[in-house]
Amino acid sequence: ALDALAAAEVAEVAEMAMYRDYRMVSDATADAGLV
């Protein structure tokens, strides 16, 4: 249970970092009307 929680926390941190790093590209894509 502790190991699974630690893995989930690492995934959450990576997800937030990826969102932060690619948010500008995602926003520009959406603003341009692209998928």
PDB file of all heavy atoms in Angstrom:
ATOM      1  N   ALA A   1       0.835  -1.204   0.000  1.00  0.00           N
ATOM      2  CA  ALA A   1       0.000   0.000   0.000  1.00  0.00           C
ATOM      3  C   ALA A   1       0.871   1.256   0.000  1.00  0.00           C
ATOM      4  O   ALA A   1       0.609   2.205  -0.745  1.00  0.00           O
ATOM      5  CB  ALA A   1      -0.942  -0.009   1.204  1.00  0.00           C
ATOM      6  N   LEU A   2       1.915   1.249   0.813  1.00  0.00           N
ATOM      7  CA  LEU A   2       2.830   2.399   0.848  1.00  0.00           C
ATOM      8  C   LEU A   2       3.564   2.570  -0.474  1.00  0.00           C
ATOM      9  O   LEU A   2       3.723   3.694  -0.968  1.00  0.00           O
ATOM     10  CB  LEU A   2       3.830   2.240   1.994  1.00  0.00           C
ATOM     11  CG  LEU A   2       3.259   2.383   3.400  1.00  0.00           C
ATOM     12  CD1 LEU A   2       4.337   2.055   4.443  1.00  0.00           C
ATOM     13  CD2 LEU A   2       2.715   3.779   3.621  1.00  0.00           C
ATOM     14  N   ASP A   3       4.011   1.458  -1.061  1.00  0.00           N
ATOM     15  CA  ASP A   3       4.713   1.531  -2.351  1.00  0.00           C
ATOM     16  C   ASP A   3       3.789   2.035  -3.453  1.00  0.00           C
ATOM     17  O   ASP A   3       4.207   2.831  -4.305  1.00  0.00           O
ATOM     18  CB  ASP A   3       5.285   0.161  -2.729  1.00  0.00           C
ATOM     19  CG  ASP A   3       6.469  -0.245  -1.866  1.00  0.00           C
ATOM     20  OD1 ASP A   3       6.992   0.602  -1.108  1.00  0.00           O
ATOM     21  OD2 ASP A   3       6.875  -1.432  -1.945  1.00  0.00           O
ATOM     22  N   ALA A   4       2.549   1.575  -3.456  1.00  0.00           N
ATOM     23  CA  ALA A   4       1.592   2.028  -4.471  1.00  0.00           C
ATOM     24  C   ALA A   4       1.301   3.517  -4.308  1.00  0.00           C
ATOM     25  O   ALA A   4       1.195   4.245  -5.297  1.00  0.00           O
ATOM     26  CB  ALA A   4       0.304   1.215  -4.388  1.00  0.00           C
ATOM     27  N   LEU A   5       1.191   3.959  -3.070  1.00  0.00           N
ATOM     28  CA  LEU A   5       0.954   5.378  -2.819  1.00  0.00           C
ATOM     29  C   LEU A   5       2.151   6.211  -3.287  1.00  0.00           C
ATOM     30  O   LEU A   5       1.982   7.263  -3.916  1.00  0.00           O
ATOM     31  CB  LEU A   5       0.679   5.618  -1.334  1.00  0.00           C
ATOM     32  CG  LEU A   5       0.328   7.045  -0.931  1.00  0.00           C
ATOM     33  CD1 LEU A   5      -0.942   7.515  -1.649  1.00  0.00           C
ATOM     34  CD2 LEU A   5       0.147   7.129   0.575  1.00  0.00           C
ATOM     35  N   ALA A   6       3.344   5.728  -3.015  1.00  0.00           N
ATOM     36  CA  ALA A   6       4.551   6.443  -3.463  1.00  0.00           C
ATOM     37  C   ALA A   6       4.600   6.508  -4.986  1.00  0.00           C
ATOM     38  O   ALA A   6       4.925   7.557  -5.564  1.00  0.00           O
ATOM     39  CB  ALA A   6       5.801   5.761  -2.909  1.00  0.00           C
ATOM     40  N   ALA A   7       4.249   5.413  -5.652  1.00  0.00           N
ATOM     41  CA  ALA A   7       4.239   5.403  -7.116  1.00  0.00           C
ATOM     42  C   ALA A   7       3.193   6.372  -7.656  1.00  0.00           C
ATOM     43  O   ALA A   7       3.443   7.086  -8.642  1.00  0.00           O
ATOM     44  CB  ALA A   7       3.976   3.990  -7.632  1.00  0.00           C
ATOM     45  N   ALA A   8       2.041   6.424  -7.021  1.00  0.00           N
ATOM     46  CA  ALA A   8       0.991   7.349  -7.447  1.00  0.00           C
ATOM     47  C   ALA A   8       1.447   8.796  -7.276  1.00  0.00           C
ATOM     48  O   ALA A   8       1.179   9.646  -8.132  1.00  0.00           O
ATOM     49  CB  ALA A   8      -0.293   7.096  -6.655  1.00  0.00           C
ATOM     50  N   GLU A   9       2.155   9.068  -6.189  1.00  0.00           N
ATOM     51  CA  GLU A   9       2.655  10.427  -5.961  1.00  0.00           C
ATOM     52  C   GLU A   9       3.692  10.814  -7.004  1.00  0.00           C
ATOM     53  O   GLU A   9       3.701  11.951  -7.493  1.00  0.00           O
ATOM     54  CB  GLU A   9       3.223  10.549  -4.555  1.00  0.00           C
ATOM     55  CG  GLU A   9       2.152  10.532  -3.483  1.00  0.00           C
ATOM     56  CD  GLU A   9       2.698  10.470  -2.071  1.00  0.00           C
ATOM     57  OE1 GLU A   9       3.920  10.245  -1.897  1.00  0.00           O
ATOM     58  OE2 GLU A   9       1.904  10.632  -1.132  1.00  0.00           O
ATOM     59  N   VAL A  10       4.568   9.881  -7.383  1.00  0.00           N
ATOM     60  CA  VAL A  10       5.558  10.159  -8.426  1.00  0.00           C
ATOM     61  C   VAL A  10       4.852  10.430  -9.751  1.00  0.00           C
ATOM     62  O   VAL A  10       5.221  11.355 -10.485  1.00  0.00           O
ATOM     63  CB  VAL A  10       6.556   8.980  -8.552  1.00  0.00           C
ATOM     64  CG1 VAL A  10       7.401   9.105  -9.808  1.00  0.00           C
ATOM     65  CG2 VAL A  10       7.439   8.905  -7.320  1.00  0.00           C
ATOM     66  N   ALA A  11       3.826   9.638 -10.063  1.00  0.00           N
ATOM     67  CA  ALA A  11       3.070   9.849 -11.298  1.00  0.00           C
ATOM     68  C   ALA A  11       2.373  11.208 -11.287  1.00  0.00           C
ATOM     69  O   ALA A  11       2.334  11.897 -12.309  1.00  0.00           O
ATOM     70  CB  ALA A  11       2.047   8.728 -11.489  1.00  0.00           C
ATOM     71  N   GLU A  12       1.856  11.598 -10.130  1.00  0.00           N
ATOM     72  CA  GLU A  12       1.185  12.893 -10.028  1.00  0.00           C
ATOM     73  C   GLU A  12       2.168  14.039 -10.255  1.00  0.00           C
ATOM     74  O   GLU A  12       1.871  14.994 -10.978  1.00  0.00           O
ATOM     75  CB  GLU A  12       0.509  13.034  -8.672  1.00  0.00           C
ATOM     76  CG  GLU A  12      -0.258  14.332  -8.520  1.00  0.00           C
ATOM     77  CD  GLU A  12      -0.966  14.428  -7.184  1.00  0.00           C
ATOM     78  OE1 GLU A  12      -0.439  13.909  -6.171  1.00  0.00           O
ATOM     79  OE2 GLU A  12      -2.045  15.045  -7.150  1.00  0.00           O
ATOM     80  N   VAL A  13       3.347  13.939  -9.666  1.00  0.00           N
ATOM     81  CA  VAL A  13       4.366  14.974  -9.852  1.00  0.00           C
ATOM     82  C   VAL A  13       4.781  15.045 -11.320  1.00  0.00           C
ATOM     83  O   VAL A  13       4.893  16.138 -11.896  1.00  0.00           O
ATOM     84  CB  VAL A  13       5.585  14.703  -8.939  1.00  0.00           C
ATOM     85  CG1 VAL A  13       6.763  15.581  -9.316  1.00  0.00           C
ATOM     86  CG2 VAL A  13       5.205  14.917  -7.481  1.00  0.00           C
ATOM     87  N   ALA A  14       4.980  13.889 -11.946  1.00  0.00           N
ATOM     88  CA  ALA A  14       5.368  13.864 -13.363  1.00  0.00           C
ATOM     89  C   ALA A  14       4.252  14.429 -14.238  1.00  0.00           C
ATOM     90  O   ALA A  14       4.518  15.162 -15.197  1.00  0.00           O
ATOM     91  CB  ALA A  14       5.713  12.442 -13.784  1.00  0.00           C
ATOM     92  N   GLU A  15       3.011  14.090 -13.909  1.00  0.00           N
ATOM     93  CA  GLU A  15       1.876  14.608 -14.679  1.00  0.00           C
ATOM     94  C   GLU A  15       1.799  16.133 -14.581  1.00  0.00           C
ATOM     95  O   GLU A  15       1.590  16.823 -15.579  1.00  0.00           O
ATOM     96  CB  GLU A  15       0.580  13.974 -14.187  1.00  0.00           C
ATOM     97  CG  GLU A  15      -0.643  14.443 -14.955  1.00  0.00           C
ATOM     98  CD  GLU A  15      -1.928  13.843 -14.418  1.00  0.00           C
ATOM     99  OE1 GLU A  15      -1.994  13.514 -13.218  1.00  0.00           O
ATOM    100  OE2 GLU A  15      -2.871  13.733 -15.209  1.00  0.00           O
ATOM    101  N   MET A  16       1.982  16.651 -13.376  1.00  0.00           N
ATOM    102  CA  MET A  16       1.931  18.103 -13.202  1.00  0.00           C
ATOM    103  C   MET A  16       3.095  18.786 -13.921  1.00  0.00           C
ATOM    104  O   MET A  16       2.921  19.851 -14.513  1.00  0.00           O
ATOM    105  CB  MET A  16       1.945  18.457 -11.709  1.00  0.00           C
ATOM    106  CG  MET A  16       0.700  17.988 -10.957  1.00  0.00           C
ATOM    107  SD  MET A  16      -0.847  18.555 -11.672  1.00  0.00           S
ATOM    108  CE  MET A  16      -0.739  20.292 -11.352  1.00  0.00           C
ATOM    109  N   ALA A  17       4.272  18.185 -13.868  1.00  0.00           N
ATOM    110  CA  ALA A  17       5.433  18.753 -14.564  1.00  0.00           C
ATOM    111  C   ALA A  17       5.213  18.751 -16.072  1.00  0.00           C
ATOM    112  O   ALA A  17       5.523  19.733 -16.759  1.00  0.00           O
ATOM    113  CB  ALA A  17       6.697  17.977 -14.207  1.00  0.00           C
ATOM    114  N   MET A  18       4.659  17.652 -16.583  1.00  0.00           N
ATOM    115  CA  MET A  18       4.400  17.573 -18.022  1.00  0.00           C
ATOM    116  C   MET A  18       3.353  18.607 -18.419  1.00  0.00           C
ATOM    117  O   MET A  18       3.500  19.296 -19.432  1.00  0.00           O
ATOM    118  CB  MET A  18       3.941  16.177 -18.419  1.00  0.00           C
ATOM    119  CG  MET A  18       3.753  16.028 -19.920  1.00  0.00           C
ATOM    120  SD  MET A  18       3.239  14.378 -20.399  1.00  0.00           S
ATOM    121  CE  MET A  18       4.724  13.477 -20.067  1.00  0.00           C
ATOM    122  N   TYR A  19       2.317  18.736 -17.615  1.00  0.00           N
ATOM    123  CA  TYR A  19       1.286  19.732 -17.902  1.00  0.00           C
ATOM    124  C   TYR A  19       1.897  21.131 -17.912  1.00  0.00           C
ATOM    125  O   TYR A  19       1.633  21.922 -18.815  1.00  0.00           O
ATOM    126  CB  TYR A  19       0.168  19.650 -16.864  1.00  0.00           C
ATOM    127  CG  TYR A  19      -0.856  20.746 -17.015  1.00  0.00           C
ATOM    128  CD1 TYR A  19      -1.810  20.687 -18.026  1.00  0.00           C
ATOM    129  CD2 TYR A  19      -0.848  21.853 -16.167  1.00  0.00           C
ATOM    130  CE1 TYR A  19      -2.742  21.699 -18.177  1.00  0.00           C
ATOM    131  CE2 TYR A  19      -1.776  22.870 -16.316  1.00  0.00           C
ATOM    132  CZ  TYR A  19      -2.714  22.789 -17.317  1.00  0.00           C
ATOM    133  OH  TYR A  19      -3.628  23.799 -17.473  1.00  0.00           O
ATOM    134  N   ARG A  20       2.737  21.414 -16.915  1.00  0.00           N
ATOM    135  CA  ARG A  20       3.370  22.731 -16.827  1.00  0.00           C
ATOM    136  C   ARG A  20       4.270  22.983 -18.041  1.00  0.00           C
ATOM    137  O   ARG A  20       4.235  24.056 -18.641  1.00  0.00           O
ATOM    138  CB  ARG A  20       4.183  22.817 -15.541  1.00  0.00           C
ATOM    139  CG  ARG A  20       4.828  24.180 -15.309  1.00  0.00           C
ATOM    140  CD  ARG A  20       5.815  24.156 -14.163  1.00  0.00           C
ATOM    141  NE  ARG A  20       6.944  23.298 -14.485  1.00  0.00           N
ATOM    142  CZ  ARG A  20       7.316  22.221 -13.777  1.00  0.00           C
ATOM    143  NH1 ARG A  20       6.666  21.868 -12.705  1.00  0.00           N
ATOM    144  NH2 ARG A  20       8.347  21.498 -14.146  1.00  0.00           N
ATOM    145  N   ASP A  21       5.046  21.970 -18.433  1.00  0.00           N
ATOM    146  CA  ASP A  21       5.997  22.143 -19.529  1.00  0.00           C
ATOM    147  C   ASP A  21       5.322  22.236 -20.893  1.00  0.00           C
ATOM    148  O   ASP A  21       5.821  22.908 -21.797  1.00  0.00           O
ATOM    149  CB  ASP A  21       7.008  20.993 -19.536  1.00  0.00           C
ATOM    150  CG  ASP A  21       7.923  21.023 -18.322  1.00  0.00           C
ATOM    151  OD1 ASP A  21       7.981  22.089 -17.652  1.00  0.00           O
ATOM    152  OD2 ASP A  21       8.560  20.005 -18.023  1.00  0.00           O
ATOM    153  N   TYR A  22       4.210  21.551 -21.080  1.00  0.00           N
ATOM    154  CA  TYR A  22       3.559  21.515 -22.391  1.00  0.00           C
ATOM    155  C   TYR A  22       2.289  22.357 -22.462  1.00  0.00           C
ATOM    156  O   TYR A  22       1.608  22.362 -23.479  1.00  0.00           O
ATOM    157  CB  TYR A  22       3.236  20.062 -22.782  1.00  0.00           C
ATOM    158  CG  TYR A  22       4.468  19.288 -23.163  1.00  0.00           C
ATOM    159  CD1 TYR A  22       5.098  18.466 -22.238  1.00  0.00           C
ATOM    160  CD2 TYR A  22       5.018  19.409 -24.433  1.00  0.00           C
ATOM    161  CE1 TYR A  22       6.244  17.764 -22.578  1.00  0.00           C
ATOM    162  CE2 TYR A  22       6.152  18.720 -24.780  1.00  0.00           C
ATOM    163  CZ  TYR A  22       6.768  17.898 -23.845  1.00  0.00           C
ATOM    164  OH  TYR A  22       7.907  17.211 -24.189  1.00  0.00           O
ATOM    165  N   ARG A  23       1.969  23.077 -21.396  1.00  0.00           N
ATOM    166  CA  ARG A  23       0.744  23.868 -21.377  1.00  0.00           C
ATOM    167  C   ARG A  23       0.744  24.924 -22.477  1.00  0.00           C
ATOM    168  O   ARG A  23      -0.273  25.133 -23.142  1.00  0.00           O
ATOM    169  CB  ARG A  23       0.549  24.529 -20.017  1.00  0.00           C
ATOM    170  CG  ARG A  23      -0.793  25.265 -19.935  1.00  0.00           C
ATOM    171  CD  ARG A  23      -1.020  25.920 -18.606  1.00  0.00           C
ATOM    172  NE  ARG A  23       0.009  26.932 -18.410  1.00  0.00           N
ATOM    173  CZ  ARG A  23       0.577  27.194 -17.239  1.00  0.00           C
ATOM    174  NH1 ARG A  23       0.200  26.551 -16.172  1.00  0.00           N
ATOM    175  NH2 ARG A  23       1.509  28.113 -17.135  1.00  0.00           N
ATOM    176  N   MET A  24       1.879  25.574 -22.721  1.00  0.00           N
ATOM    177  CA  MET A  24       1.939  26.613 -23.753  1.00  0.00           C
ATOM    178  C   MET A  24       1.634  26.024 -25.127  1.00  0.00           C
ATOM    179  O   MET A  24       0.887  26.614 -25.907  1.00  0.00           O
ATOM    180  CB  MET A  24       3.301  27.302 -23.744  1.00  0.00           C
ATOM    181  CG  MET A  24       3.508  28.174 -22.530  1.00  0.00           C
ATOM    182  SD  MET A  24       5.139  28.974 -22.342  1.00  0.00           S
ATOM    183  CE  MET A  24       5.831  29.012 -23.944  1.00  0.00           C
ATOM    184  N   VAL A  25       2.187  24.849 -25.410  1.00  0.00           N
ATOM    185  CA  VAL A  25       1.941  24.200 -26.700  1.00  0.00           C
ATOM    186  C   VAL A  25       0.471  23.789 -26.793  1.00  0.00           C
ATOM    187  O   VAL A  25      -0.180  23.990 -27.823  1.00  0.00           O
ATOM    188  CB  VAL A  25       2.862  22.973 -26.879  1.00  0.00           C
ATOM    189  CG1 VAL A  25       2.495  22.178 -28.127  1.00  0.00           C
ATOM    190  CG2 VAL A  25       4.314  23.412 -26.943  1.00  0.00           C
ATOM    191  N   SER A  26      -0.059  23.229 -25.731  1.00  0.00           N
ATOM    192  CA  SER A  26      -1.460  22.800 -25.724  1.00  0.00           C
ATOM    193  C   SER A  26      -2.395  23.997 -25.894  1.00  0.00           C
ATOM    194  O   SER A  26      -3.376  23.929 -26.652  1.00  0.00           O
ATOM    195  CB  SER A  26      -1.794  22.079 -24.421  1.00  0.00           C
ATOM    196  OG  SER A  26      -1.043  20.911 -24.307  1.00  0.00           O
ATOM    197  N   ASP A  27      -2.097  25.079 -25.192  1.00  0.00           N
ATOM    198  CA  ASP A  27      -2.930  26.274 -25.306  1.00  0.00           C
ATOM    199  C   ASP A  27      -2.866  26.855 -26.714  1.00  0.00           C
ATOM    200  O   ASP A  27      -3.892  27.239 -27.288  1.00  0.00           O
ATOM    201  CB  ASP A  27      -2.500  27.337 -24.284  1.00  0.00           C
ATOM    202  CG  ASP A  27      -2.837  26.946 -22.853  1.00  0.00           C
ATOM    203  OD1 ASP A  27      -3.609  25.983 -22.657  1.00  0.00           O
ATOM    204  OD2 ASP A  27      -2.308  27.608 -21.930  1.00  0.00           O
ATOM    205  N   ALA A  28      -1.672  26.936 -27.290  1.00  0.00           N
ATOM    206  CA  ALA A  28      -1.515  27.476 -28.649  1.00  0.00           C
ATOM    207  C   ALA A  28      -2.233  26.586 -29.665  1.00  0.00           C
ATOM    208  O   ALA A  28      -2.854  27.085 -30.612  1.00  0.00           O
ATOM    209  CB  ALA A  28      -0.033  27.589 -29.005  1.00  0.00           C
ATOM    210  N   THR A  29      -2.169  25.290 -29.467  1.00  0.00           N
ATOM    211  CA  THR A  29      -2.855  24.353 -30.362  1.00  0.00           C
ATOM    212  C   THR A  29      -4.357  24.571 -30.293  1.00  0.00           C
ATOM    213  O   THR A  29      -5.031  24.658 -31.323  1.00  0.00           O
ATOM    214  CB  THR A  29      -2.502  22.898 -29.976  1.00  0.00           C
ATOM    215  OG1 THR A  29      -1.090  22.731 -30.070  1.00  0.00           O
ATOM    216  CG2 THR A  29      -3.189  21.905 -30.873  1.00  0.00           C
ATOM    217  N   ALA A  30      -4.881  24.669 -29.079  1.00  0.00           N
ATOM    218  CA  ALA A  30      -6.321  24.880 -28.908  1.00  0.00           C
ATOM    219  C   ALA A  30      -6.743  26.237 -29.464  1.00  0.00           C
ATOM    220  O   ALA A  30      -7.787  26.347 -30.123  1.00  0.00           O
ATOM    221  CB  ALA A  30      -6.693  24.763 -27.435  1.00  0.00           C
ATOM    222  N   ASP A  31      -5.925  27.282 -29.235  1.00  0.00           N
ATOM    223  CA  ASP A  31      -6.245  28.620 -29.745  1.00  0.00           C
ATOM    224  C   ASP A  31      -6.281  28.653 -31.267  1.00  0.00           C
ATOM    225  O   ASP A  31      -7.049  29.411 -31.862  1.00  0.00           O
ATOM    226  CB  ASP A  31      -5.230  29.645 -29.234  1.00  0.00           C
ATOM    227  CG  ASP A  31      -5.359  29.897 -27.743  1.00  0.00           C
ATOM    228  OD1 ASP A  31      -6.401  29.504 -27.160  1.00  0.00           O
ATOM    229  OD2 ASP A  31      -4.413  30.473 -27.156  1.00  0.00           O
ATOM    230  N   ALA A  32      -5.446  27.816 -31.900  1.00  0.00           N
ATOM    231  CA  ALA A  32      -5.406  27.763 -33.358  1.00  0.00           C
ATOM    232  C   ALA A  32      -6.520  26.872 -33.914  1.00  0.00           C
ATOM    233  O   ALA A  32      -6.654  26.737 -35.134  1.00  0.00           O
ATOM    234  CB  ALA A  32      -4.048  27.250 -33.826  1.00  0.00           C
ATOM    235  N   GLY A  33      -7.277  26.234 -33.023  1.00  0.00           N
ATOM    236  CA  GLY A  33      -8.370  25.373 -33.468  1.00  0.00           C
ATOM    237  C   GLY A  33      -7.901  24.007 -33.927  1.00  0.00           C
ATOM    238  O   GLY A  33      -8.619  23.313 -34.644  1.00  0.00           O
ATOM    239  N   LEU A  34      -6.696  23.624 -33.514  1.00  0.00           N
ATOM    240  CA  LEU A  34      -6.151  22.334 -33.923  1.00  0.00           C
ATOM    241  C   LEU A  34      -6.365  21.288 -32.833  1.00  0.00           C
ATOM    242  O   LEU A  34      -6.494  21.615 -31.654  1.00  0.00           O
ATOM    243  CB  LEU A  34      -4.654  22.468 -34.208  1.00  0.00           C
ATOM    244  CG  LEU A  34      -4.259  23.487 -35.279  1.00  0.00           C
ATOM    245  CD1 LEU A  34      -2.750  23.654 -35.316  1.00  0.00           C
ATOM    246  CD2 LEU A  34      -4.790  23.046 -36.635  1.00  0.00           C
ATOM    247  N   VAL A  35      -6.378  20.031 -33.243  1.00  0.00           N
ATOM    248  CA  VAL A  35      -6.475  18.937 -32.279  1.00  0.00           C
ATOM    249  C   VAL A  35      -5.091  18.560 -31.786  1.00  0.00           C
ATOM    250  O   VAL A  35      -4.890  18.260 -30.612  1.00  0.00           O
ATOM    251  CB  VAL A  35      -7.170  17.713 -32.919  1.00  0.00           C
ATOM    252  CG1 VAL A  35      -7.202  16.540 -31.952  1.00  0.00           C
ATOM    253  CG2 VAL A  35      -8.576  18.072 -33.354  1.00  0.00           C
TER     254      VAL A  35
END
